[in-house]
Amino acid sequence: MRFTYMTSAAFNQNPSKAKKEADERPLVITEHGEASYVLIRYADFQENWRKPKSLYEALEDTESKFDADFMPERADVGHRDIEF
């Protein structure tokens, strides 16, 4: 999911622009370079707030930031002598 960013000063100067941006995608409002608030449409809030997800739904999510296939490196334990 993509976000739009706006400083708190810009938000205070032009809240209507912030609402227009939030209609398109979530708007992150920053203070001193750190994210502090998120402005989203109420319909999006109702749809997503504390909505339980099944494991299937979580794995099916195509917009997840964890979409990369998991390809672990093969473990090499080396050649070891075994004593019995």
PDB file of N, CA and C in Angstrom:
ATOM      1  N   MET A   1       0.847  -1.166   0.000  1.00  0.00           N
ATOM      2  CA  MET A   1       0.000   0.000   0.000  1.00  0.00           C
ATOM      3  C   MET A   1       0.897   1.234   0.000  1.00  0.00           C
ATOM      4  N   ARG A   2       0.574   2.157  -0.831  1.00  0.00           N
ATOM      5  CA  ARG A   2       1.340   3.405  -0.903  1.00  0.00           C
ATOM      6  C   ARG A   2       0.731   4.457   0.020  1.00  0.00           C
ATOM      7  N   PHE A   3       1.575   5.345   0.483  1.00  0.00           N
ATOM      8  CA  PHE A   3       1.153   6.419   1.365  1.00  0.00           C
ATOM      9  C   PHE A   3       1.561   7.748   0.765  1.00  0.00           C
ATOM     10  N   THR A   4       0.852   8.803   1.157  1.00  0.00           N
ATOM     11  CA  THR A   4       1.228  10.169   0.840  1.00  0.00           C
ATOM     12  C   THR A   4       1.710  10.794   2.149  1.00  0.00           C
ATOM     13  N   TYR A   5       2.708  11.656   2.069  1.00  0.00           N
ATOM     14  CA  TYR A   5       3.258  12.281   3.272  1.00  0.00           C
ATOM     15  C   TYR A   5       3.050  13.785   3.227  1.00  0.00           C
ATOM     16  N   MET A   6       2.808  14.369   4.394  1.00  0.00           N
ATOM     17  CA  MET A   6       2.621  15.813   4.516  1.00  0.00           C
ATOM     18  C   MET A   6       3.119  16.230   5.897  1.00  0.00           C
ATOM     19  N   THR A   7       3.778  17.366   5.957  1.00  0.00           N
ATOM     20  CA  THR A   7       4.229  17.865   7.256  1.00  0.00           C
ATOM     21  C   THR A   7       3.030  18.402   8.036  1.00  0.00           C
ATOM     22  N   SER A   8       3.170  18.478   9.339  1.00  0.00           N
ATOM     23  CA  SER A   8       2.069  18.990  10.156  1.00  0.00           C
ATOM     24  C   SER A   8       1.811  20.468   9.858  1.00  0.00           C
ATOM     25  N   ALA A   9       2.862  21.213   9.514  1.00  0.00           N
ATOM     26  CA  ALA A   9       2.683  22.630   9.162  1.00  0.00           C
ATOM     27  C   ALA A   9       1.859  22.755   7.887  1.00  0.00           C
ATOM     28  N   ALA A  10       2.163  21.928   6.876  1.00  0.00           N
ATOM     29  CA  ALA A  10       1.401  21.960   5.621  1.00  0.00           C
ATOM     30  C   ALA A  10      -0.040  21.516   5.869  1.00  0.00           C
ATOM     31  N   PHE A  11      -0.234  20.549   6.743  1.00  0.00           N
ATOM     32  CA  PHE A  11      -1.578  20.091   7.084  1.00  0.00           C
ATOM     33  C   PHE A  11      -2.378  21.224   7.730  1.00  0.00           C
ATOM     34  N   ASN A  12      -1.754  21.954   8.660  1.00  0.00           N
ATOM     35  CA  ASN A  12      -2.439  23.056   9.343  1.00  0.00           C
ATOM     36  C   ASN A  12      -2.774  24.196   8.392  1.00  0.00           C
ATOM     37  N   GLN A  13      -1.930  24.426   7.393  1.00  0.00           N
ATOM     38  CA  GLN A  13      -2.167  25.503   6.430  1.00  0.00           C
ATOM     39  C   GLN A  13      -3.234  25.144   5.409  1.00  0.00           C
ATOM     40  N   ASN A  14      -3.357  23.869   5.072  1.00  0.00           N
ATOM     41  CA  ASN A  14      -4.274  23.482   4.009  1.00  0.00           C
ATOM     42  C   ASN A  14      -4.928  22.126   4.299  1.00  0.00           C
ATOM     43  N   PRO A  15      -5.849  22.084   5.250  1.00  0.00           N
ATOM     44  CA  PRO A  15      -6.484  20.803   5.580  1.00  0.00           C
ATOM     45  C   PRO A  15      -7.344  20.244   4.444  1.00  0.00           C
ATOM     46  N   SER A  16      -7.893  21.104   3.587  1.00  0.00           N
ATOM     47  CA  SER A  16      -8.704  20.590   2.480  1.00  0.00           C
ATOM     48  C   SER A  16      -7.846  19.824   1.480  1.00  0.00           C
ATOM     49  N   LYS A  17      -6.608  20.266   1.276  1.00  0.00           N
ATOM     50  CA  LYS A  17      -5.692  19.524   0.410  1.00  0.00           C
ATOM     51  C   LYS A  17      -5.380  18.163   1.030  1.00  0.00           C
ATOM     52  N   ALA A  18      -5.238  18.136   2.344  1.00  0.00           N
ATOM     53  CA  ALA A  18      -4.966  16.881   3.043  1.00  0.00           C
ATOM     54  C   ALA A  18      -6.123  15.909   2.858  1.00  0.00           C
ATOM     55  N   LYS A  19      -7.358  16.407   2.940  1.00  0.00           N
ATOM     56  CA  LYS A  19      -8.516  15.533   2.745  1.00  0.00           C
ATOM     57  C   LYS A  19      -8.556  14.990   1.323  1.00  0.00           C
ATOM     58  N   LYS A  20      -8.200  15.807   0.346  1.00  0.00           N
ATOM     59  CA  LYS A  20      -8.168  15.340  -1.047  1.00  0.00           C
ATOM     60  C   LYS A  20      -7.111  14.259  -1.234  1.00  0.00           C
ATOM     61  N   GLU A  21      -5.959  14.446  -0.613  1.00  0.00           N
ATOM     62  CA  GLU A  21      -4.895  13.441  -0.681  1.00  0.00           C
ATOM     63  C   GLU A  21      -5.343  12.141  -0.008  1.00  0.00           C
ATOM     64  N   ALA A  22      -6.049  12.255   1.123  1.00  0.00           N
ATOM     65  CA  ALA A  22      -6.498  11.074   1.858  1.00  0.00           C
ATOM     66  C   ALA A  22      -7.602  10.326   1.118  1.00  0.00           C
ATOM     67  N   ASP A  23      -8.286  10.996   0.197  1.00  0.00           N
ATOM     68  CA  ASP A  23      -9.273  10.303  -0.630  1.00  0.00           C
ATOM     69  C   ASP A  23      -8.606   9.302  -1.560  1.00  0.00           C
ATOM     70  N   GLU A  24      -7.392   9.600  -1.982  1.00  0.00           N
ATOM     71  CA  GLU A  24      -6.658   8.735  -2.906  1.00  0.00           C
ATOM     72  C   GLU A  24      -5.956   7.581  -2.184  1.00  0.00           C
ATOM     73  N   ARG A  25      -5.266   7.895  -1.093  1.00  0.00           N
ATOM     74  CA  ARG A  25      -4.509   6.894  -0.324  1.00  0.00           C
ATOM     75  C   ARG A  25      -4.255   7.463   1.063  1.00  0.00           C
ATOM     76  N   PRO A  26      -3.875   6.626   2.013  1.00  0.00           N
ATOM     77  CA  PRO A  26      -3.626   7.122   3.377  1.00  0.00           C
ATOM     78  C   PRO A  26      -2.571   8.232   3.387  1.00  0.00           C
ATOM     79  N   LEU A  27      -2.835   9.245   4.191  1.00  0.00           N
ATOM     80  CA  LEU A  27      -1.939  10.396   4.307  1.00  0.00           C
ATOM     81  C   LEU A  27      -1.237  10.336   5.659  1.00  0.00           C
ATOM     82  N   VAL A  28       0.087  10.268   5.628  1.00  0.00           N
ATOM     83  CA  VAL A  28       0.886  10.250   6.845  1.00  0.00           C
ATOM     84  C   VAL A  28       1.304  11.688   7.147  1.00  0.00           C
ATOM     85  N   ILE A  29       0.955  12.149   8.334  1.00  0.00           N
ATOM     86  CA  ILE A  29       1.312  13.505   8.754  1.00  0.00           C
ATOM     87  C   ILE A  29       2.536  13.398   9.648  1.00  0.00           C
ATOM     88  N   THR A  30       3.577  14.152   9.279  1.00  0.00           N
ATOM     89  CA  THR A  30       4.841  14.056  10.003  1.00  0.00           C
ATOM     90  C   THR A  30       5.084  15.296  10.867  1.00  0.00           C
ATOM     91  N   GLU A  31       5.781  15.073  11.963  1.00  0.00           N
ATOM     92  CA  GLU A  31       6.246  16.157  12.831  1.00  0.00           C
ATOM     93  C   GLU A  31       7.731  15.955  13.059  1.00  0.00           C
ATOM     94  N   HIS A  32       8.527  16.920  12.676  1.00  0.00           N
ATOM     95  CA  HIS A  32       9.980  16.847  12.806  1.00  0.00           C
ATOM     96  C   HIS A  32      10.549  15.627  12.085  1.00  0.00           C
ATOM     97  N   GLY A  33       9.976  15.295  10.935  1.00  0.00           N
ATOM     98  CA  GLY A  33      10.470  14.194  10.125  1.00  0.00           C
ATOM     99  C   GLY A  33      10.011  12.811  10.557  1.00  0.00           C
ATOM    100  N   GLU A  34       9.223  12.729  11.612  1.00  0.00           N
ATOM    101  CA  GLU A  34       8.740  11.441  12.119  1.00  0.00           C
ATOM    102  C   GLU A  34       7.231  11.342  11.891  1.00  0.00           C
ATOM    103  N   ALA A  35       6.765  10.184  11.465  1.00  0.00           N
ATOM    104  CA  ALA A  35       5.334   9.973  11.274  1.00  0.00           C
ATOM    105  C   ALA A  35       4.622  10.086  12.616  1.00  0.00           C
ATOM    106  N   SER A  36       3.526  10.846  12.658  1.00  0.00           N
ATOM    107  CA  SER A  36       2.815  11.005  13.915  1.00  0.00           C
ATOM    108  C   SER A  36       1.322  10.699  13.796  1.00  0.00           C
ATOM    109  N   TYR A  37       0.723  10.934  12.635  1.00  0.00           N
ATOM    110  CA  TYR A  37      -0.694  10.664  12.437  1.00  0.00           C
ATOM    111  C   TYR A  37      -0.922  10.124  11.040  1.00  0.00           C
ATOM    112  N   VAL A  38      -2.060   9.435  10.859  1.00  0.00           N
ATOM    113  CA  VAL A  38      -2.462   8.957   9.547  1.00  0.00           C
ATOM    114  C   VAL A  38      -3.906   9.381   9.320  1.00  0.00           C
ATOM    115  N   LEU A  39      -4.157   9.989   8.180  1.00  0.00           N
ATOM    116  CA  LEU A  39      -5.495  10.415   7.816  1.00  0.00           C
ATOM    117  C   LEU A  39      -5.986   9.505   6.694  1.00  0.00           C
ATOM    118  N   ILE A  40      -7.128   8.837   6.938  1.00  0.00           N
ATOM    119  CA  ILE A  40      -7.713   7.955   5.925  1.00  0.00           C
ATOM    120  C   ILE A  40      -9.206   8.230   5.827  1.00  0.00           C
ATOM    121  N   ARG A  41      -9.823   7.757   4.756  1.00  0.00           N
ATOM    122  CA  ARG A  41     -11.268   7.897   4.613  1.00  0.00           C
ATOM    123  C   ARG A  41     -11.947   7.027   5.668  1.00  0.00           C
ATOM    124  N   TYR A  42     -13.096   7.462   6.136  1.00  0.00           N
ATOM    125  CA  TYR A  42     -13.808   6.721   7.182  1.00  0.00           C
ATOM    126  C   TYR A  42     -14.219   5.340   6.691  1.00  0.00           C
ATOM    127  N   ALA A  43     -14.604   5.220   5.434  1.00  0.00           N
ATOM    128  CA  ALA A  43     -14.982   3.918   4.885  1.00  0.00           C
ATOM    129  C   ALA A  43     -13.807   2.944   4.949  1.00  0.00           C
ATOM    130  N   ASP A  44     -12.600   3.421   4.640  1.00  0.00           N
ATOM    131  CA  ASP A  44     -11.413   2.569   4.742  1.00  0.00           C
ATOM    132  C   ASP A  44     -11.137   2.186   6.186  1.00  0.00           C
ATOM    133  N   PHE A  45     -11.341   3.127   7.078  1.00  0.00           N
ATOM    134  CA  PHE A  45     -11.145   2.868   8.501  1.00  0.00           C
ATOM    135  C   PHE A  45     -12.086   1.767   8.977  1.00  0.00           C
ATOM    136  N   GLN A  46     -13.370   1.888   8.640  1.00  0.00           N
ATOM    137  CA  GLN A  46     -14.352   0.883   9.058  1.00  0.00           C
ATOM    138  C   GLN A  46     -14.042  -0.484   8.472  1.00  0.00           C
ATOM    139  N   GLU A  47     -13.575  -0.500   7.247  1.00  0.00           N
ATOM    140  CA  GLU A  47     -13.302  -1.761   6.569  1.00  0.00           C
ATOM    141  C   GLU A  47     -12.111  -2.493   7.174  1.00  0.00           C
ATOM    142  N   ASN A  48     -11.123  -1.753   7.647  1.00  0.00           N
ATOM    143  CA  ASN A  48      -9.869  -2.365   8.065  1.00  0.00           C
ATOM    144  C   ASN A  48      -9.588  -2.357   9.556  1.00  0.00           C
ATOM    145  N   TRP A  49     -10.267  -1.562  10.321  1.00  0.00           N
ATOM    146  CA  TRP A  49      -9.924  -1.425  11.728  1.00  0.00           C
ATOM    147  C   TRP A  49     -10.267  -2.684  12.504  1.00  0.00           C
ATOM    148  N   ARG A  50      -9.263  -3.326  13.016  1.00  0.00           N
ATOM    149  CA  ARG A  50      -9.398  -4.521  13.848  1.00  0.00           C
ATOM    150  C   ARG A  50     -10.207  -5.630  13.189  1.00  0.00           C
ATOM    151  N   LYS A  51     -10.186  -5.643  11.887  1.00  0.00           N
ATOM    152  CA  LYS A  51     -10.872  -6.715  11.167  1.00  0.00           C
ATOM    153  C   LYS A  51      -9.988  -7.952  11.237  1.00  0.00           C
ATOM    154  N   PRO A  52     -10.474  -9.026  11.831  1.00  0.00           N
ATOM    155  CA  PRO A  52      -9.630 -10.218  11.917  1.00  0.00           C
ATOM    156  C   PRO A  52      -9.385 -10.806  10.534  1.00  0.00           C
ATOM    157  N   LYS A  53      -8.172 -11.249  10.326  1.00  0.00           N
ATOM    158  CA  LYS A  53      -7.781 -11.864   9.063  1.00  0.00           C
ATOM    159  C   LYS A  53      -7.467 -13.323   9.307  1.00  0.00           C
ATOM    160  N   SER A  54      -7.958 -14.147   8.415  1.00  0.00           N
ATOM    161  CA  SER A  54      -7.581 -15.553   8.512  1.00  0.00           C
ATOM    162  C   SER A  54      -6.171 -15.700   7.951  1.00  0.00           C
ATOM    163  N   LEU A  55      -5.541 -16.812   8.239  1.00  0.00           N
ATOM    164  CA  LEU A  55      -4.206 -17.067   7.698  1.00  0.00           C
ATOM    165  C   LEU A  55      -4.251 -17.062   6.183  1.00  0.00           C
ATOM    166  N   TYR A  56      -5.291 -17.633   5.609  1.00  0.00           N
ATOM    167  CA  TYR A  56      -5.441 -17.671   4.154  1.00  0.00           C
ATOM    168  C   TYR A  56      -5.507 -16.253   3.587  1.00  0.00           C
ATOM    169  N   GLU A  57      -6.297 -15.364   4.210  1.00  0.00           N
ATOM    170  CA  GLU A  57      -6.419 -13.988   3.739  1.00  0.00           C
ATOM    171  C   GLU A  57      -5.095 -13.247   3.848  1.00  0.00           C
ATOM    172  N   ALA A  58      -4.361 -13.480   4.919  1.00  0.00           N
ATOM    173  CA  ALA A  58      -3.064 -12.823   5.100  1.00  0.00           C
ATOM    174  C   ALA A  58      -2.072 -13.271   4.033  1.00  0.00           C
ATOM    175  N   LEU A  59      -2.068 -14.569   3.730  1.00  0.00           N
ATOM    176  CA  LEU A  59      -1.141 -15.082   2.720  1.00  0.00           C
ATOM    177  C   LEU A  59      -1.557 -14.701   1.313  1.00  0.00           C
ATOM    178  N   GLU A  60      -2.839 -14.467   1.109  1.00  0.00           N
ATOM    179  CA  GLU A  60      -3.371 -14.116  -0.199  1.00  0.00           C
ATOM    180  C   GLU A  60      -3.171 -12.640  -0.525  1.00  0.00           C
ATOM    181  N   ASP A  61      -2.862 -11.824   0.478  1.00  0.00           N
ATOM    182  CA  ASP A  61      -2.728 -10.379   0.316  1.00  0.00           C
ATOM    183  C   ASP A  61      -1.663 -10.049  -0.716  1.00  0.00           C
ATOM    184  N   THR A  62      -2.074  -9.494  -1.862  1.00  0.00           N
ATOM    185  CA  THR A  62      -1.139  -9.198  -2.952  1.00  0.00           C
ATOM    186  C   THR A  62      -0.389  -7.889  -2.735  1.00  0.00           C
ATOM    187  N   GLU A  63      -0.857  -7.047  -1.821  1.00  0.00           N
ATOM    188  CA  GLU A  63      -0.196  -5.772  -1.575  1.00  0.00           C
ATOM    189  C   GLU A  63       0.728  -5.823  -0.366  1.00  0.00           C
ATOM    190  N   SER A  64       0.990  -7.000   0.136  1.00  0.00           N
ATOM    191  CA  SER A  64       1.842  -7.150   1.305  1.00  0.00           C
ATOM    192  C   SER A  64       3.280  -6.766   0.974  1.00  0.00           C
ATOM    193  N   LYS A  65       3.948  -6.147   1.942  1.00  0.00           N
ATOM    194  CA  LYS A  65       5.358  -5.802   1.734  1.00  0.00           C
ATOM    195  C   LYS A  65       6.249  -7.031   1.861  1.00  0.00           C
ATOM    196  N   PHE A  66       5.667  -8.148   2.248  1.00  0.00           N
ATOM    197  CA  PHE A  66       6.420  -9.383   2.403  1.00  0.00           C
ATOM    198  C   PHE A  66       6.151 -10.339   1.241  1.00  0.00           C
ATOM    199  N   ASP A  67       5.958  -9.806   0.041  1.00  0.00           N
ATOM    200  CA  ASP A  67       5.611 -10.630  -1.115  1.00  0.00           C
ATOM    201  C   ASP A  67       6.772 -11.447  -1.663  1.00  0.00           C
ATOM    202  N   ALA A  68       7.978 -11.088  -1.355  1.00  0.00           N
ATOM    203  CA  ALA A  68       9.125 -11.801  -1.920  1.00  0.00           C
ATOM    204  C   ALA A  68       9.087 -13.269  -1.504  1.00  0.00           C
ATOM    205  N   ASP A  69       9.415 -14.132  -2.447  1.00  0.00           N
ATOM    206  CA  ASP A  69       9.448 -15.561  -2.134  1.00  0.00           C
ATOM    207  C   ASP A  69      10.545 -15.839  -1.125  1.00  0.00           C
ATOM    208  N   PHE A  70      10.279 -16.730  -0.220  1.00  0.00           N
ATOM    209  CA  PHE A  70      11.247 -17.102   0.805  1.00  0.00           C
ATOM    210  C   PHE A  70      12.169 -18.163   0.230  1.00  0.00           C
ATOM    211  N   MET A  71      13.420 -17.817   0.047  1.00  0.00           N
ATOM    212  CA  MET A  71      14.405 -18.734  -0.521  1.00  0.00           C
ATOM    213  C   MET A  71      15.624 -18.763   0.401  1.00  0.00           C
ATOM    214  N   PRO A  72      15.575 -19.550   1.472  1.00  0.00           N
ATOM    215  CA  PRO A  72      16.721 -19.594   2.389  1.00  0.00           C
ATOM    216  C   PRO A  72      17.915 -20.270   1.727  1.00  0.00           C
ATOM    217  N   GLU A  73      19.105 -19.856   2.150  1.00  0.00           N
ATOM    218  CA  GLU A  73      20.318 -20.478   1.633  1.00  0.00           C
ATOM    219  C   GLU A  73      20.442 -21.884   2.212  1.00  0.00           C
ATOM    220  N   ARG A  74      21.032 -22.746   1.438  1.00  0.00           N
ATOM    221  CA  ARG A  74      21.223 -24.120   1.898  1.00  0.00           C
ATOM    222  C   ARG A  74      22.272 -24.117   3.013  1.00  0.00           C
ATOM    223  N   ALA A  75      21.968 -24.779   4.111  1.00  0.00           N
ATOM    224  CA  ALA A  75      22.883 -24.843   5.245  1.00  0.00           C
ATOM    225  C   ALA A  75      24.032 -25.792   4.923  1.00  0.00           C
ATOM    226  N   ASP A  76      25.235 -25.308   5.139  1.00  0.00           N
ATOM    227  CA  ASP A  76      26.418 -26.127   4.897  1.00  0.00           C
ATOM    228  C   ASP A  76      27.069 -26.408   6.246  1.00  0.00           C
ATOM    229  N   VAL A  77      26.963 -27.624   6.717  1.00  0.00           N
ATOM    230  CA  VAL A  77      27.529 -27.970   8.017  1.00  0.00           C
ATOM    231  C   VAL A  77      28.960 -28.468   7.881  1.00  0.00           C
ATOM    232  N   GLY A  78      29.449 -28.548   6.662  1.00  0.00           N
ATOM    233  CA  GLY A  78      30.823 -28.983   6.448  1.00  0.00           C
ATOM    234  C   GLY A  78      30.979 -30.482   6.649  1.00  0.00           C
ATOM    235  N   HIS A  79      32.166 -30.951   6.452  1.00  0.00           N
ATOM    236  CA  HIS A  79      32.454 -32.381   6.620  1.00  0.00           C
ATOM    237  C   HIS A  79      32.894 -32.618   8.050  1.00  0.00           C
ATOM    238  N   ARG A  80      32.144 -33.436   8.768  1.00  0.00           N
ATOM    239  CA  ARG A  80      32.479 -33.724  10.155  1.00  0.00           C
ATOM    240  C   ARG A  80      32.610 -35.226  10.344  1.00  0.00           C
ATOM    241  N   ASP A  81      33.545 -35.596  11.194  1.00  0.00           N
ATOM    242  CA  ASP A  81      33.691 -36.995  11.570  1.00  0.00           C
ATOM    243  C   ASP A  81      32.664 -37.305  12.647  1.00  0.00           C
ATOM    244  N   ILE A  82      32.077 -38.472  12.533  1.00  0.00           N
ATOM    245  CA  ILE A  82      31.065 -38.888  13.505  1.00  0.00           C
ATOM    246  C   ILE A  82      31.630 -40.015  14.352  1.00  0.00           C
ATOM    247  N   GLU A  83      31.513 -39.848  15.652  1.00  0.00           N
ATOM    248  CA  GLU A  83      31.962 -40.886  16.581  1.00  0.00           C
ATOM    249  C   GLU A  83      30.762 -41.557  17.219  1.00  0.00           C
ATOM    250  N   PHE A  84      30.820 -42.865  17.328  1.00  0.00           N
ATOM    251  CA  PHE A  84      29.733 -43.606  17.986  1.00  0.00           C
ATOM    252  C   PHE A  84      30.213 -44.181  19.293  1.00  0.00           C
TER     253      PHE A  84
END
